[in-house]
Amino acid sequence: HVCEGKYPYSIEHELTFFKRQGETYERFEETHYQRTFAIEEYIQMLEDVGFKILEISADFLDQAPTEESERIIFVAQK
């Protein structure tokens, strides 16, 4: 189950796992919390600690991020 988290750009995942134990399965559950930030915030954080942004792309492709991008890749140098 995935739901919106309590912070902007955050989600919570409720996961159920089954681990085989011989002839039976052991069930266990975990909740994963994910949070990200706006691209501008990442740029500011990187620059604040002395990094120079060389490139920003999306989804392991040579293209600029969009609202639909799932992963933003930052190439930075210190």
N, C-alpha and C. Protein backbone atom coordinates (compact mmCIF):
# COMPACT_ATOMS: atom_id res chain seq x y z
N HIS A 1 0.84 -1.17 0.00
CA HIS A 1 0.00 0.00 0.00
C HIS A 1 0.89 1.24 0.00
N VAL A 2 0.61 2.18 -0.86
CA VAL A 2 1.37 3.42 -0.96
C VAL A 2 0.43 4.58 -0.68
N CYS A 3 0.87 5.51 0.17
CA CYS A 3 0.04 6.69 0.43
C CYS A 3 0.93 7.92 0.54
N GLU A 4 0.30 9.05 0.39
CA GLU A 4 1.02 10.33 0.48
C GLU A 4 1.56 10.49 1.90
N GLY A 5 2.80 10.96 2.00
CA GLY A 5 3.42 11.16 3.30
C GLY A 5 2.99 12.46 3.95
N LYS A 6 3.54 12.73 5.13
CA LYS A 6 3.14 13.95 5.84
C LYS A 6 3.87 15.19 5.38
N TYR A 7 4.93 15.03 4.57
CA TYR A 7 5.69 16.17 4.08
C TYR A 7 5.50 16.31 2.57
N PRO A 8 5.68 17.52 2.02
CA PRO A 8 5.63 17.65 0.56
C PRO A 8 6.66 16.71 -0.09
N TYR A 9 6.34 16.17 -1.22
CA TYR A 9 7.22 15.26 -1.96
C TYR A 9 7.57 14.01 -1.16
N SER A 10 6.66 13.51 -0.35
CA SER A 10 6.94 12.29 0.41
C SER A 10 5.83 11.27 0.23
N ILE A 11 6.21 10.00 0.39
CA ILE A 11 5.25 8.90 0.34
C ILE A 11 5.64 7.86 1.39
N GLU A 12 4.66 7.04 1.73
CA GLU A 12 4.89 5.95 2.65
C GLU A 12 4.45 4.65 1.97
N HIS A 13 5.31 3.63 2.06
CA HIS A 13 5.02 2.32 1.49
C HIS A 13 4.81 1.33 2.63
N GLU A 14 3.70 0.65 2.65
CA GLU A 14 3.48 -0.44 3.59
C GLU A 14 3.69 -1.73 2.82
N LEU A 15 4.71 -2.50 3.21
CA LEU A 15 5.11 -3.69 2.47
C LEU A 15 4.94 -4.94 3.32
N THR A 16 4.52 -6.03 2.69
CA THR A 16 4.43 -7.32 3.35
C THR A 16 5.32 -8.29 2.60
N PHE A 17 6.17 -9.00 3.35
CA PHE A 17 7.11 -9.95 2.77
C PHE A 17 6.82 -11.34 3.31
N PHE A 18 7.12 -12.35 2.51
CA PHE A 18 7.02 -13.74 2.94
C PHE A 18 8.36 -14.41 2.68
N LYS A 19 8.99 -14.90 3.74
CA LYS A 19 10.29 -15.55 3.64
C LYS A 19 10.10 -17.04 3.87
N ARG A 20 10.56 -17.82 2.92
CA ARG A 20 10.39 -19.27 3.03
C ARG A 20 11.23 -19.82 4.17
N GLN A 21 10.60 -20.62 5.02
CA GLN A 21 11.25 -21.29 6.13
C GLN A 21 10.91 -22.78 6.02
N GLY A 22 11.70 -23.50 5.23
CA GLY A 22 11.41 -24.92 5.01
C GLY A 22 10.13 -25.09 4.22
N GLU A 23 9.14 -25.72 4.84
CA GLU A 23 7.85 -25.98 4.18
C GLU A 23 6.85 -24.83 4.37
N THR A 24 7.17 -23.87 5.23
CA THR A 24 6.24 -22.77 5.51
C THR A 24 6.88 -21.43 5.17
N TYR A 25 6.12 -20.38 5.35
CA TYR A 25 6.60 -19.03 5.09
C TYR A 25 6.44 -18.18 6.35
N GLU A 26 7.45 -17.36 6.61
CA GLU A 26 7.38 -16.39 7.69
C GLU A 26 6.94 -15.06 7.09
N ARG A 27 5.93 -14.46 7.66
CA ARG A 27 5.41 -13.19 7.17
C ARG A 27 5.96 -12.05 8.03
N PHE A 28 6.42 -10.99 7.39
CA PHE A 28 6.80 -9.80 8.13
C PHE A 28 6.46 -8.56 7.32
N GLU A 29 6.29 -7.47 8.04
CA GLU A 29 5.85 -6.22 7.41
C GLU A 29 6.84 -5.12 7.72
N GLU A 30 6.94 -4.18 6.80
CA GLU A 30 7.80 -3.02 6.97
C GLU A 30 7.07 -1.80 6.40
N THR A 31 7.37 -0.66 6.97
CA THR A 31 6.91 0.60 6.40
C THR A 31 8.14 1.37 5.96
N HIS A 32 8.17 1.79 4.69
CA HIS A 32 9.28 2.57 4.15
C HIS A 32 8.79 3.99 3.92
N TYR A 33 9.60 4.93 4.35
CA TYR A 33 9.28 6.35 4.18
C TYR A 33 10.26 6.93 3.18
N GLN A 34 9.74 7.59 2.17
CA GLN A 34 10.59 8.24 1.17
C GLN A 34 10.23 9.71 1.10
N ARG A 35 11.28 10.51 1.00
CA ARG A 35 11.06 11.95 0.88
C ARG A 35 12.09 12.50 -0.08
N THR A 36 11.66 13.41 -0.91
CA THR A 36 12.57 14.09 -1.81
C THR A 36 12.30 15.58 -1.70
N PHE A 37 12.99 16.34 -2.49
CA PHE A 37 12.86 17.80 -2.45
C PHE A 37 12.77 18.32 -3.88
N ALA A 38 12.40 19.56 -4.03
CA ALA A 38 12.36 20.20 -5.35
C ALA A 38 13.79 20.28 -5.90
N ILE A 39 13.93 20.24 -7.20
CA ILE A 39 15.25 20.30 -7.85
C ILE A 39 16.03 21.52 -7.37
N GLU A 40 15.36 22.65 -7.24
CA GLU A 40 16.03 23.88 -6.82
C GLU A 40 16.65 23.73 -5.42
N GLU A 41 15.99 22.97 -4.55
CA GLU A 41 16.53 22.74 -3.21
C GLU A 41 17.80 21.90 -3.26
N TYR A 42 17.81 20.87 -4.11
CA TYR A 42 19.03 20.06 -4.26
C TYR A 42 20.18 20.90 -4.80
N ILE A 43 19.88 21.74 -5.79
CA ILE A 43 20.91 22.61 -6.35
C ILE A 43 21.48 23.50 -5.26
N GLN A 44 20.61 24.11 -4.48
CA GLN A 44 21.05 25.01 -3.40
C GLN A 44 21.88 24.26 -2.35
N MET A 45 21.43 23.05 -1.96
CA MET A 45 22.17 22.27 -0.97
C MET A 45 23.56 21.90 -1.48
N LEU A 46 23.63 21.47 -2.74
CA LEU A 46 24.93 21.11 -3.32
C LEU A 46 25.85 22.32 -3.40
N GLU A 47 25.34 23.44 -3.86
CA GLU A 47 26.16 24.65 -3.96
C GLU A 47 26.58 25.16 -2.58
N ASP A 48 25.71 25.04 -1.59
CA ASP A 48 26.02 25.48 -0.23
C ASP A 48 27.23 24.75 0.37
N VAL A 49 27.45 23.51 -0.08
CA VAL A 49 28.59 22.74 0.45
C VAL A 49 29.74 22.67 -0.55
N GLY A 50 29.72 23.56 -1.55
CA GLY A 50 30.87 23.72 -2.43
C GLY A 50 30.87 22.93 -3.72
N PHE A 51 29.76 22.36 -4.11
CA PHE A 51 29.71 21.63 -5.37
C PHE A 51 29.30 22.54 -6.52
N LYS A 52 29.81 22.24 -7.69
CA LYS A 52 29.41 22.92 -8.92
C LYS A 52 28.56 21.93 -9.71
N ILE A 53 27.38 22.35 -10.12
CA ILE A 53 26.48 21.48 -10.89
C ILE A 53 26.98 21.42 -12.33
N LEU A 54 27.27 20.22 -12.80
CA LEU A 54 27.73 20.04 -14.18
C LEU A 54 26.59 19.65 -15.12
N GLU A 55 25.64 18.87 -14.59
CA GLU A 55 24.56 18.38 -15.45
C GLU A 55 23.40 17.91 -14.58
N ILE A 56 22.19 18.08 -15.09
CA ILE A 56 20.99 17.54 -14.45
C ILE A 56 20.18 16.85 -15.54
N SER A 57 19.87 15.58 -15.34
CA SER A 57 19.08 14.84 -16.33
C SER A 57 18.04 13.99 -15.60
N ALA A 58 17.26 13.25 -16.38
CA ALA A 58 16.16 12.49 -15.80
C ALA A 58 16.12 11.06 -16.31
N ASP A 59 15.75 10.16 -15.42
CA ASP A 59 15.43 8.78 -15.76
C ASP A 59 16.52 8.05 -16.54
N PHE A 60 17.79 8.35 -16.24
CA PHE A 60 18.94 7.72 -16.88
C PHE A 60 18.96 7.95 -18.39
N LEU A 61 18.32 9.01 -18.83
CA LEU A 61 18.30 9.38 -20.24
C LEU A 61 18.97 10.74 -20.39
N ASP A 62 19.35 11.07 -21.59
CA ASP A 62 19.98 12.36 -21.85
C ASP A 62 18.89 13.39 -22.15
N GLN A 63 18.05 13.65 -21.13
CA GLN A 63 16.98 14.62 -21.31
C GLN A 63 16.74 15.37 -20.01
N ALA A 64 16.17 16.53 -20.12
CA ALA A 64 15.89 17.37 -18.94
C ALA A 64 14.73 16.78 -18.14
N PRO A 65 14.73 16.99 -16.83
CA PRO A 65 13.61 16.50 -16.00
C PRO A 65 12.30 17.19 -16.36
N THR A 66 11.22 16.45 -16.19
CA THR A 66 9.86 16.98 -16.34
C THR A 66 9.08 16.63 -15.08
N GLU A 67 7.85 17.08 -15.01
CA GLU A 67 6.99 16.75 -13.86
C GLU A 67 6.75 15.23 -13.76
N GLU A 68 6.84 14.51 -14.87
CA GLU A 68 6.60 13.08 -14.88
C GLU A 68 7.86 12.25 -14.63
N SER A 69 9.03 12.88 -14.54
CA SER A 69 10.28 12.15 -14.33
C SER A 69 10.25 11.41 -13.00
N GLU A 70 10.75 10.19 -13.01
CA GLU A 70 10.78 9.38 -11.80
C GLU A 70 12.10 9.52 -11.05
N ARG A 71 13.19 9.79 -11.76
CA ARG A 71 14.50 9.93 -11.14
C ARG A 71 15.23 11.13 -11.75
N ILE A 72 15.79 11.94 -10.87
CA ILE A 72 16.57 13.09 -11.32
C ILE A 72 18.02 12.78 -10.99
N ILE A 73 18.90 12.91 -11.99
CA ILE A 73 20.32 12.61 -11.84
C ILE A 73 21.10 13.92 -11.82
N PHE A 74 21.89 14.13 -10.77
CA PHE A 74 22.74 15.31 -10.65
C PHE A 74 24.18 14.88 -10.83
N VAL A 75 24.90 15.55 -11.73
CA VAL A 75 26.35 15.37 -11.86
C VAL A 75 26.94 16.65 -11.30
N ALA A 76 27.76 16.48 -10.24
CA ALA A 76 28.32 17.65 -9.57
C ALA A 76 29.80 17.39 -9.28
N GLN A 77 30.55 18.46 -9.17
CA GLN A 77 31.99 18.36 -8.91
C GLN A 77 32.37 19.31 -7.79
N LYS A 78 33.28 18.82 -6.93
CA LYS A 78 33.74 19.66 -5.83
C LYS A 78 35.20 20.00 -6.04
